Amino acid sequence: MATACALHILVKTQQQATELKALLDKGADFATLAKKHSTCPSKKKGGDLGEFRRGQMVKAFDDVVFKRPILKVHGPIKTKFGYHLIKTLYRN
């Protein structure tokens, strides 16, 4: 079973996600922005979701983590929870 480890920032609006992505693209620290802006409990750990298996997250989230390039910030990705910026650290 495939597993991965990812960080994410979850916000309510696409505009906020886009603004945060612009900051990340300019070199802002992912964990710092997650702690300050994310609405997910993972924000306490800088957005770190730890390791999880394929299928444990909603499909749109899974598709990014398991199909897109690692160590790049992807998003905004819309799910029923809001808008995510996702950075996959590794997958196997």
PDB file of N, CA and C in Angstrom:
ATOM      1  N   MET A   1       0.846  -1.199   0.000  1.00  0.00           N
ATOM      2  CA  MET A   1       0.000   0.000   0.000  1.00  0.00           C
ATOM      3  C   MET A   1       0.884   1.253   0.000  1.00  0.00           C
ATOM      4  N   ALA A   2       0.598   2.163  -0.889  1.00  0.00           N
ATOM      5  CA  ALA A   2       1.380   3.396  -0.985  1.00  0.00           C
ATOM      6  C   ALA A   2       1.146   4.280   0.240  1.00  0.00           C
ATOM      7  N   THR A   3       2.230   4.877   0.729  1.00  0.00           N
ATOM      8  CA  THR A   3       2.125   5.833   1.825  1.00  0.00           C
ATOM      9  C   THR A   3       2.854   7.111   1.430  1.00  0.00           C
ATOM     10  N   ALA A   4       2.504   8.187   2.128  1.00  0.00           N
ATOM     11  CA  ALA A   4       3.141   9.475   1.861  1.00  0.00           C
ATOM     12  C   ALA A   4       3.121  10.307   3.128  1.00  0.00           C
ATOM     13  N   CYS A   5       3.923  11.362   3.117  1.00  0.00           N
ATOM     14  CA  CYS A   5       3.933  12.335   4.199  1.00  0.00           C
ATOM     15  C   CYS A   5       3.790  13.712   3.550  1.00  0.00           C
ATOM     16  N   ALA A   6       2.878  14.508   4.079  1.00  0.00           N
ATOM     17  CA  ALA A   6       2.634  15.820   3.469  1.00  0.00           C
ATOM     18  C   ALA A   6       2.365  16.874   4.532  1.00  0.00           C
ATOM     19  N   LEU A   7       2.636  18.104   4.130  1.00  0.00           N
ATOM     20  CA  LEU A   7       2.269  19.287   4.905  1.00  0.00           C
ATOM     21  C   LEU A   7       1.128  19.957   4.161  1.00  0.00           C
ATOM     22  N   HIS A   8       0.241  20.622   4.896  1.00  0.00           N
ATOM     23  CA  HIS A   8      -0.763  21.414   4.190  1.00  0.00           C
ATOM     24  C   HIS A   8      -1.171  22.620   5.014  1.00  0.00           C
ATOM     25  N   ILE A   9      -1.724  23.576   4.295  1.00  0.00           N
ATOM     26  CA  ILE A   9      -2.342  24.750   4.907  1.00  0.00           C
ATOM     27  C   ILE A   9      -3.777  24.748   4.398  1.00  0.00           C
ATOM     28  N   LEU A  10      -4.730  24.809   5.316  1.00  0.00           N
ATOM     29  CA  LEU A  10      -6.147  24.815   4.964  1.00  0.00           C
ATOM     30  C   LEU A  10      -6.747  26.167   5.318  1.00  0.00           C
ATOM     31  N   VAL A  11      -7.361  26.816   4.323  1.00  0.00           N
ATOM     32  CA  VAL A  11      -8.013  28.107   4.558  1.00  0.00           C
ATOM     33  C   VAL A  11      -9.411  28.088   3.935  1.00  0.00           C
ATOM     34  N   LYS A  12     -10.206  29.099   4.267  1.00  0.00           N
ATOM     35  CA  LYS A  12     -11.606  29.131   3.839  1.00  0.00           C
ATOM     36  C   LYS A  12     -11.798  29.593   2.392  1.00  0.00           C
ATOM     37  N   THR A  13     -10.925  30.488   1.909  1.00  0.00           N
ATOM     38  CA  THR A  13     -11.170  31.077   0.590  1.00  0.00           C
ATOM     39  C   THR A  13     -10.034  30.803  -0.388  1.00  0.00           C
ATOM     40  N   GLN A  14     -10.391  30.747  -1.657  1.00  0.00           N
ATOM     41  CA  GLN A  14      -9.395  30.559  -2.712  1.00  0.00           C
ATOM     42  C   GLN A  14      -8.448  31.749  -2.742  1.00  0.00           C
ATOM     43  N   GLN A  15      -8.987  32.953  -2.500  1.00  0.00           N
ATOM     44  CA  GLN A  15      -8.143  34.156  -2.521  1.00  0.00           C
ATOM     45  C   GLN A  15      -7.055  34.075  -1.453  1.00  0.00           C
ATOM     46  N   GLN A  16      -7.430  33.654  -0.244  1.00  0.00           N
ATOM     47  CA  GLN A  16      -6.418  33.553   0.820  1.00  0.00           C
ATOM     48  C   GLN A  16      -5.370  32.499   0.464  1.00  0.00           C
ATOM     49  N   ALA A  17      -5.818  31.373  -0.083  1.00  0.00           N
ATOM     50  CA  ALA A  17      -4.869  30.320  -0.475  1.00  0.00           C
ATOM     51  C   ALA A  17      -3.909  30.843  -1.541  1.00  0.00           C
ATOM     52  N   THR A  18      -4.431  31.588  -2.503  1.00  0.00           N
ATOM     53  CA  THR A  18      -3.603  32.143  -3.575  1.00  0.00           C
ATOM     54  C   THR A  18      -2.581  33.132  -3.018  1.00  0.00           C
ATOM     55  N   GLU A  19      -3.006  33.972  -2.061  1.00  0.00           N
ATOM     56  CA  GLU A  19      -2.088  34.937  -1.437  1.00  0.00           C
ATOM     57  C   GLU A  19      -0.974  34.220  -0.661  1.00  0.00           C
ATOM     58  N   LEU A  20      -1.335  33.166   0.069  1.00  0.00           N
ATOM     59  CA  LEU A  20      -0.330  32.416   0.820  1.00  0.00           C
ATOM     60  C   LEU A  20       0.627  31.699  -0.124  1.00  0.00           C
ATOM     61  N   LYS A  21       0.109  31.175  -1.232  1.00  0.00           N
ATOM     62  CA  LYS A  21       0.977  30.496  -2.202  1.00  0.00           C
ATOM     63  C   LYS A  21       1.993  31.484  -2.775  1.00  0.00           C
ATOM     64  N   ALA A  22       1.560  32.714  -3.027  1.00  0.00           N
ATOM     65  CA  ALA A  22       2.485  33.731  -3.541  1.00  0.00           C
ATOM     66  C   ALA A  22       3.614  33.978  -2.535  1.00  0.00           C
ATOM     67  N   LEU A  23       3.290  34.013  -1.253  1.00  0.00           N
ATOM     68  CA  LEU A  23       4.320  34.188  -0.219  1.00  0.00           C
ATOM     69  C   LEU A  23       5.276  32.997  -0.208  1.00  0.00           C
ATOM     70  N   LEU A  24       4.732  31.798  -0.324  1.00  0.00           N
ATOM     71  CA  LEU A  24       5.572  30.595  -0.350  1.00  0.00           C
ATOM     72  C   LEU A  24       6.487  30.596  -1.574  1.00  0.00           C
ATOM     73  N   ASP A  25       5.944  31.026  -2.711  1.00  0.00           N
ATOM     74  CA  ASP A  25       6.734  31.087  -3.943  1.00  0.00           C
ATOM     75  C   ASP A  25       7.897  32.064  -3.814  1.00  0.00           C
ATOM     76  N   LYS A  26       7.745  33.053  -2.910  1.00  0.00           N
ATOM     77  CA  LYS A  26       8.811  34.033  -2.686  1.00  0.00           C
ATOM     78  C   LYS A  26       9.767  33.586  -1.579  1.00  0.00           C
ATOM     79  N   GLY A  27       9.542  32.373  -1.040  1.00  0.00           N
ATOM     80  CA  GLY A  27      10.471  31.845  -0.050  1.00  0.00           C
ATOM     81  C   GLY A  27      10.002  31.842   1.385  1.00  0.00           C
ATOM     82  N   ALA A  28       8.732  32.177   1.633  1.00  0.00           N
ATOM     83  CA  ALA A  28       8.219  32.147   3.012  1.00  0.00           C
ATOM     84  C   ALA A  28       8.261  30.723   3.554  1.00  0.00           C
ATOM     85  N   ASP A  29       8.355  30.589   4.862  1.00  0.00           N
ATOM     86  CA  ASP A  29       8.439  29.276   5.509  1.00  0.00           C
ATOM     87  C   ASP A  29       7.049  28.649   5.625  1.00  0.00           C
ATOM     88  N   PHE A  30       6.923  27.426   5.102  1.00  0.00           N
ATOM     89  CA  PHE A  30       5.631  26.734   5.085  1.00  0.00           C
ATOM     90  C   PHE A  30       5.065  26.568   6.494  1.00  0.00           C
ATOM     91  N   ALA A  31       5.882  26.049   7.406  1.00  0.00           N
ATOM     92  CA  ALA A  31       5.413  25.782   8.773  1.00  0.00           C
ATOM     93  C   ALA A  31       4.945  27.049   9.479  1.00  0.00           C
ATOM     94  N   THR A  32       5.666  28.146   9.277  1.00  0.00           N
ATOM     95  CA  THR A  32       5.297  29.415   9.903  1.00  0.00           C
ATOM     96  C   THR A  32       3.935  29.883   9.402  1.00  0.00           C
ATOM     97  N   LEU A  33       3.713  29.814   8.093  1.00  0.00           N
ATOM     98  CA  LEU A  33       2.424  30.228   7.532  1.00  0.00           C
ATOM     99  C   LEU A  33       1.310  29.286   7.974  1.00  0.00           C
ATOM    100  N   ALA A  34       1.602  27.990   8.050  1.00  0.00           N
ATOM    101  CA  ALA A  34       0.584  27.030   8.506  1.00  0.00           C
ATOM    102  C   ALA A  34       0.150  27.342   9.933  1.00  0.00           C
ATOM    103  N   LYS A  35       1.121  27.597  10.817  1.00  0.00           N
ATOM    104  CA  LYS A  35       0.806  27.889  12.217  1.00  0.00           C
ATOM    105  C   LYS A  35      -0.045  29.148  12.338  1.00  0.00           C
ATOM    106  N   LYS A  36       0.210  30.107  11.474  1.00  0.00           N
ATOM    107  CA  LYS A  36      -0.477  31.395  11.561  1.00  0.00           C
ATOM    108  C   LYS A  36      -1.852  31.385  10.893  1.00  0.00           C
ATOM    109  N   HIS A  37      -2.004  30.667   9.765  1.00  0.00           N
ATOM    110  CA  HIS A  37      -3.215  30.808   8.951  1.00  0.00           C
ATOM    111  C   HIS A  37      -4.102  29.572   8.830  1.00  0.00           C
ATOM    112  N   SER A  38      -3.557  28.377   8.987  1.00  0.00           N
ATOM    113  CA  SER A  38      -4.341  27.162   8.712  1.00  0.00           C
ATOM    114  C   SER A  38      -5.473  26.984   9.711  1.00  0.00           C
ATOM    115  N   THR A  39      -6.612  26.460   9.229  1.00  0.00           N
ATOM    116  CA  THR A  39      -7.749  26.178  10.099  1.00  0.00           C
ATOM    117  C   THR A  39      -7.759  24.712  10.541  1.00  0.00           C
ATOM    118  N   CYS A  40      -6.779  23.926  10.100  1.00  0.00           N
ATOM    119  CA  CYS A  40      -6.686  22.503  10.454  1.00  0.00           C
ATOM    120  C   CYS A  40      -5.917  22.347  11.764  1.00  0.00           C
ATOM    121  N   PRO A  41      -6.316  21.373  12.608  1.00  0.00           N
ATOM    122  CA  PRO A  41      -5.549  21.121  13.844  1.00  0.00           C
ATOM    123  C   PRO A  41      -4.064  20.831  13.596  1.00  0.00           C
ATOM    124  N   SER A  42      -3.728  20.383  12.382  1.00  0.00           N
ATOM    125  CA  SER A  42      -2.316  20.104  12.066  1.00  0.00           C
ATOM    126  C   SER A  42      -1.458  21.366  12.101  1.00  0.00           C
ATOM    127  N   LYS A  43      -2.100  22.531  12.176  1.00  0.00           N
ATOM    128  CA  LYS A  43      -1.319  23.777  12.183  1.00  0.00           C
ATOM    129  C   LYS A  43      -0.358  23.841  13.362  1.00  0.00           C
ATOM    130  N   LYS A  44      -0.705  23.172  14.473  1.00  0.00           N
ATOM    131  CA  LYS A  44       0.190  23.159  15.637  1.00  0.00           C
ATOM    132  C   LYS A  44       1.533  22.536  15.297  1.00  0.00           C
ATOM    133  N   LYS A  45       1.537  21.624  14.309  1.00  0.00           N
ATOM    134  CA  LYS A  45       2.771  20.959  13.872  1.00  0.00           C
ATOM    135  C   LYS A  45       3.261  21.546  12.544  1.00  0.00           C
ATOM    136  N   GLY A  46       2.907  22.786  12.269  1.00  0.00           N
ATOM    137  CA  GLY A  46       3.348  23.431  11.041  1.00  0.00           C
ATOM    138  C   GLY A  46       2.691  22.848   9.797  1.00  0.00           C
ATOM    139  N   GLY A  47       1.509  22.274   9.977  1.00  0.00           N
ATOM    140  CA  GLY A  47       0.775  21.703   8.851  1.00  0.00           C
ATOM    141  C   GLY A  47       1.131  20.261   8.552  1.00  0.00           C
ATOM    142  N   ASP A  48       1.977  19.657   9.397  1.00  0.00           N
ATOM    143  CA  ASP A  48       2.447  18.287   9.154  1.00  0.00           C
ATOM    144  C   ASP A  48       1.343  17.276   9.450  1.00  0.00           C
ATOM    145  N   LEU A  49       0.953  16.521   8.436  1.00  0.00           N
ATOM    146  CA  LEU A  49      -0.078  15.496   8.593  1.00  0.00           C
ATOM    147  C   LEU A  49       0.508  14.134   8.949  1.00  0.00           C
ATOM    148  N   GLY A  50       1.824  14.040   8.967  1.00  0.00           N
ATOM    149  CA  GLY A  50       2.461  12.757   9.237  1.00  0.00           C
ATOM    150  C   GLY A  50       2.288  11.821   8.052  1.00  0.00           C
ATOM    151  N   GLU A  51       2.551  10.538   8.294  1.00  0.00           N
ATOM    152  CA  GLU A  51       2.446   9.569   7.203  1.00  0.00           C
ATOM    153  C   GLU A  51       1.033   9.008   7.141  1.00  0.00           C
ATOM    154  N   PHE A  52       0.521   8.866   5.934  1.00  0.00           N
ATOM    155  CA  PHE A  52      -0.819   8.298   5.753  1.00  0.00           C
ATOM    156  C   PHE A  52      -0.841   7.464   4.487  1.00  0.00           C
ATOM    157  N   ARG A  53      -1.842   6.599   4.396  1.00  0.00           N
ATOM    158  CA  ARG A  53      -1.982   5.719   3.247  1.00  0.00           C
ATOM    159  C   ARG A  53      -2.878   6.337   2.182  1.00  0.00           C
ATOM    160  N   ARG A  54      -2.666   5.910   0.951  1.00  0.00           N
ATOM    161  CA  ARG A  54      -3.525   6.315  -0.146  1.00  0.00           C
ATOM    162  C   ARG A  54      -4.962   5.920   0.197  1.00  0.00           C
ATOM    163  N   GLY A  55      -5.889   6.839  -0.002  1.00  0.00           N
ATOM    164  CA  GLY A  55      -7.293   6.564   0.287  1.00  0.00           C
ATOM    165  C   GLY A  55      -7.751   7.064   1.650  1.00  0.00           C
ATOM    166  N   GLN A  56      -6.816   7.495   2.496  1.00  0.00           N
ATOM    167  CA  GLN A  56      -7.208   8.007   3.818  1.00  0.00           C
ATOM    168  C   GLN A  56      -7.686   9.459   3.748  1.00  0.00           C
ATOM    169  N   MET A  57      -7.259  10.172   2.723  1.00  0.00           N
ATOM    170  CA  MET A  57      -7.659  11.571   2.544  1.00  0.00           C
ATOM    171  C   MET A  57      -8.689  11.649   1.422  1.00  0.00           C
ATOM    172  N   VAL A  58      -9.376  12.785   1.325  1.00  0.00           N
ATOM    173  CA  VAL A  58     -10.343  12.956   0.239  1.00  0.00           C
ATOM    174  C   VAL A  58      -9.614  12.876  -1.106  1.00  0.00           C
ATOM    175  N   LYS A  59     -10.341  12.481  -2.158  1.00  0.00           N
ATOM    176  CA  LYS A  59      -9.729  12.176  -3.454  1.00  0.00           C
ATOM    177  C   LYS A  59      -8.890  13.318  -4.021  1.00  0.00           C
ATOM    178  N   ALA A  60      -9.403  14.537  -3.992  1.00  0.00           N
ATOM    179  CA  ALA A  60      -8.664  15.673  -4.573  1.00  0.00           C
ATOM    180  C   ALA A  60      -7.318  15.847  -3.872  1.00  0.00           C
ATOM    181  N   PHE A  61      -7.298  15.627  -2.571  1.00  0.00           N
ATOM    182  CA  PHE A  61      -6.076  15.749  -1.778  1.00  0.00           C
ATOM    183  C   PHE A  61      -5.124  14.602  -2.122  1.00  0.00           C
ATOM    184  N   ASP A  62      -5.672  13.388  -2.125  1.00  0.00           N
ATOM    185  CA  ASP A  62      -4.900  12.195  -2.486  1.00  0.00           C
ATOM    186  C   ASP A  62      -4.240  12.327  -3.861  1.00  0.00           C
ATOM    187  N   ASP A  63      -5.001  12.849  -4.820  1.00  0.00           N
ATOM    188  CA  ASP A  63      -4.490  12.975  -6.188  1.00  0.00           C
ATOM    189  C   ASP A  63      -3.240  13.847  -6.231  1.00  0.00           C
ATOM    190  N   VAL A  64      -3.230  14.919  -5.448  1.00  0.00           N
ATOM    191  CA  VAL A  64      -2.053  15.791  -5.405  1.00  0.00           C
ATOM    192  C   VAL A  64      -0.882  15.063  -4.747  1.00  0.00           C
ATOM    193  N   VAL A  65      -1.131  14.478  -3.589  1.00  0.00           N
ATOM    194  CA  VAL A  65      -0.068  13.847  -2.812  1.00  0.00           C
ATOM    195  C   VAL A  65       0.571  12.669  -3.552  1.00  0.00           C
ATOM    196  N   PHE A  66      -0.261  11.875  -4.234  1.00  0.00           N
ATOM    197  CA  PHE A  66       0.260  10.649  -4.835  1.00  0.00           C
ATOM    198  C   PHE A  66       0.588  10.759  -6.321  1.00  0.00           C
ATOM    199  N   LYS A  67       0.238  11.882  -6.968  1.00  0.00           N
ATOM    200  CA  LYS A  67       0.488  11.986  -8.409  1.00  0.00           C
ATOM    201  C   LYS A  67       1.359  13.169  -8.821  1.00  0.00           C
ATOM    202  N   ARG A  68       1.373  14.236  -8.041  1.00  0.00           N
ATOM    203  CA  ARG A  68       2.120  15.430  -8.442  1.00  0.00           C
ATOM    204  C   ARG A  68       3.528  15.421  -7.860  1.00  0.00           C
ATOM    205  N   PRO A  69       4.423  16.252  -8.424  1.00  0.00           N
ATOM    206  CA  PRO A  69       5.825  16.259  -7.947  1.00  0.00           C
ATOM    207  C   PRO A  69       5.944  16.557  -6.454  1.00  0.00           C
ATOM    208  N   ILE A  70       6.879  15.862  -5.791  1.00  0.00           N
ATOM    209  CA  ILE A  70       7.103  16.093  -4.367  1.00  0.00           C
ATOM    210  C   ILE A  70       7.953  17.352  -4.153  1.00  0.00           C
ATOM    211  N   LEU A  71       7.899  17.861  -2.929  1.00  0.00           N
ATOM    212  CA  LEU A  71       8.665  19.036  -2.474  1.00  0.00           C
ATOM    213  C   LEU A  71       8.314  20.322  -3.225  1.00  0.00           C
ATOM    214  N   LYS A  72       7.154  20.329  -3.864  1.00  0.00           N
ATOM    215  CA  LYS A  72       6.638  21.554  -4.489  1.00  0.00           C
ATOM    216  C   LYS A  72       5.299  21.855  -3.841  1.00  0.00           C
ATOM    217  N   VAL A  73       4.954  23.137  -3.737  1.00  0.00           N
ATOM    218  CA  VAL A  73       3.663  23.508  -3.155  1.00  0.00           C
ATOM    219  C   VAL A  73       2.613  23.527  -4.268  1.00  0.00           C
ATOM    220  N   HIS A  74       1.554  22.751  -4.082  1.00  0.00           N
ATOM    221  CA  HIS A  74       0.461  22.669  -5.050  1.00  0.00           C
ATOM    222  C   HIS A  74      -0.790  23.300  -4.451  1.00  0.00           C
ATOM    223  N   GLY A  75      -1.548  23.959  -5.297  1.00  0.00           N
ATOM    224  CA  GLY A  75      -2.801  24.543  -4.831  1.00  0.00           C
ATOM    225  C   GLY A  75      -3.014  25.914  -5.415  1.00  0.00           C
ATOM    226  N   PRO A  76      -4.153  26.509  -5.072  1.00  0.00           N
ATOM    227  CA  PRO A  76      -5.163  26.001  -4.149  1.00  0.00           C
ATOM    228  C   PRO A  76      -5.904  24.772  -4.702  1.00  0.00           C
ATOM    229  N   ILE A  77      -6.124  23.790  -3.825  1.00  0.00           N
ATOM    230  CA  ILE A  77      -6.875  22.585  -4.138  1.00  0.00           C
ATOM    231  C   ILE A  77      -8.159  22.635  -3.307  1.00  0.00           C
ATOM    232  N   LYS A  78      -9.315  22.621  -3.985  1.00  0.00           N
ATOM    233  CA  LYS A  78     -10.598  22.731  -3.277  1.00  0.00           C
ATOM    234  C   LYS A  78     -11.096  21.352  -2.850  1.00  0.00           C
ATOM    235  N   THR A  79     -11.487  21.265  -1.568  1.00  0.00           N
ATOM    236  CA  THR A  79     -12.174  20.074  -1.067  1.00  0.00           C
ATOM    237  C   THR A  79     -13.370  20.568  -0.250  1.00  0.00           C
ATOM    238  N   LYS A  80     -14.114  19.628   0.318  1.00  0.00           N
ATOM    239  CA  LYS A  80     -15.268  20.012   1.144  1.00  0.00           C
ATOM    240  C   LYS A  80     -14.840  20.763   2.405  1.00  0.00           C
ATOM    241  N   PHE A  81     -13.554  20.703   2.742  1.00  0.00           N
ATOM    242  CA  PHE A  81     -13.048  21.364   3.949  1.00  0.00           C
ATOM    243  C   PHE A  81     -12.627  22.813   3.702  1.00  0.00           C
ATOM    244  N   GLY A  82     -12.364  23.158   2.431  1.00  0.00           N
ATOM    245  CA  GLY A  82     -11.883  24.491   2.094  1.00  0.00           C
ATOM    246  C   GLY A  82     -10.839  24.387   1.003  1.00  0.00           C
ATOM    247  N   TYR A  83      -9.852  25.287   1.063  1.00  0.00           N
ATOM    248  CA  TYR A  83      -8.797  25.333   0.050  1.00  0.00           C
ATOM    249  C   TYR A  83      -7.462  24.972   0.688  1.00  0.00           C
ATOM    250  N   HIS A  84      -6.781  24.037   0.065  1.00  0.00           N
ATOM    251  CA  HIS A  84      -5.510  23.540   0.598  1.00  0.00           C
ATOM    252  C   HIS A  84      -4.327  23.984  -0.252  1.00  0.00           C
ATOM    253  N   LEU A  85      -3.211  24.227   0.422  1.00  0.00           N
ATOM    254  CA  LEU A  85      -1.903  24.279  -0.221  1.00  0.00           C
ATOM    255  C   LEU A  85      -1.198  23.039   0.308  1.00  0.00           C
ATOM    256  N   ILE A  86      -0.687  22.223  -0.586  1.00  0.00           N
ATOM    257  CA  ILE A  86      -0.163  20.919  -0.201  1.00  0.00           C
ATOM    258  C   ILE A  86       1.287  20.773  -0.657  1.00  0.00           C
ATOM    259  N   LYS A  87       2.124  20.323   0.256  1.00  0.00           N
ATOM    260  CA  LYS A  87       3.523  20.036  -0.064  1.00  0.00           C
ATOM    261  C   LYS A  87       3.815  18.606   0.378  1.00  0.00           C
ATOM    262  N   THR A  88       4.040  17.720  -0.578  1.00  0.00           N
ATOM    263  CA  THR A  88       4.346  16.333  -0.269  1.00  0.00           C
ATOM    264  C   THR A  88       5.842  16.221   0.030  1.00  0.00           C
ATOM    265  N   LEU A  89       6.168  15.660   1.189  1.00  0.00           N
ATOM    266  CA  LEU A  89       7.573  15.519   1.585  1.00  0.00           C
ATOM    267  C   LEU A  89       8.192  14.262   1.005  1.00  0.00           C
ATOM    268  N   TYR A  90       7.434  13.171   1.014  1.00  0.00           N
ATOM    269  CA  TYR A  90       7.899  11.930   0.384  1.00  0.00           C
ATOM    270  C   TYR A  90       6.713  11.017   0.151  1.00  0.00           C
ATOM    271  N   ARG A  91       6.901  10.025  -0.689  1.00  0.00           N
ATOM    272  CA  ARG A  91       5.918   8.955  -0.854  1.00  0.00           C
ATOM    273  C   ARG A  91       6.643   7.684  -1.255  1.00  0.00           C
ATOM    274  N   ASN A  92       6.055   6.555  -0.915  1.00  0.00           N
ATOM    275  CA  ASN A  92       6.674   5.277  -1.272  1.00  0.00           C
ATOM    276  C   ASN A  92       5.613   4.237  -1.600  1.00  0.00           C
TER     277      ASN A  92
END
